[in-house]
């Protein structure tokens, strides 16, 4: 490479970094607003290790190995151990790591907001999620209406709530049951369900089939459902929440099933998180939520690419 081209490349990189300045300023204000909300509500901010011996063995989330340990994909397991030890309300803003995640709204290293509250369920967290996001929007001067691309989003409460089964009935070419039976659930979600969610008001998509329960409690209705929801705003999936499962035997069985499926798919497998499973029987009935902060910044900065709202992407290092 000639000196001239190296200099041009350096100047281009500097201009790219400089162009992000207003978005990084907004990002800082958003994170400050998040912390202020939880502190005022009496939550304790915690920090848990990034490097852990065993991540949750979820089928579609791949951890990044680091020696004999793993970078956490979420602080969930450690935060739940704190709940089991008697912490009633905790939150954390931290970096998380997931292998082979890259796209307009995905990075392999990203920033997550997680919070947990003892004695609450997923419906309570819908209310608190509305309250938190609207608080942050007012903190940064966005008010009760924002624009994302061509869409105007009304943040006035209450937000839209729709069950997963009803969303498939309303928007998809297959029923939820048929989509699951034909292994087309993910395809249907991406192509037919998610584009219809989150406008003109944010949307909570709730009550998932038990097969998609992950770490959530299953409600024993006539047709059992997992007490889980996702938050969508303007087509962006922003958050995932549960009424937390507190039965260690059931959770271990789910983990073992996912590990078996990972083996069948040729994916790497992990040790069982034994200390988490031992703590689970001591955990009170609780609810927890993970919200992608980078995506919230994208939303409030009206940016379609996650690259625009982080200081550096992997390709820029």
Foldseek 3Di string as FASTA:
>chain_A
DDPVVVVVVVVVLVVLLVLLVVLQVLLVLLVVLLVVVCVVVPAAEDDDDQWAQWEQLAQPWAFDDDVNTTGYQDCPLVVLLVLLVPRFKYKYWDWHATPPWDDQETARIAIKIKMKGFPDFLVVVLVVVLVSLQSSCVSSPNHQWADAVPAIAGSDDDFAEDEPQVLCVPKNPDGPVVCVVVVNNVVRCLPIRLQPAAPNYKYKYFWAQPVPQQFADWDPDVRITGGKIWIHHNSDTWKIKHQGDLQLVVNVVVSVVSQVVCVVVVHDHHDPPVVSSVSSNSRHGMMMMMGGSLVSSCRRVSHSGSCSNDSDGPVSD
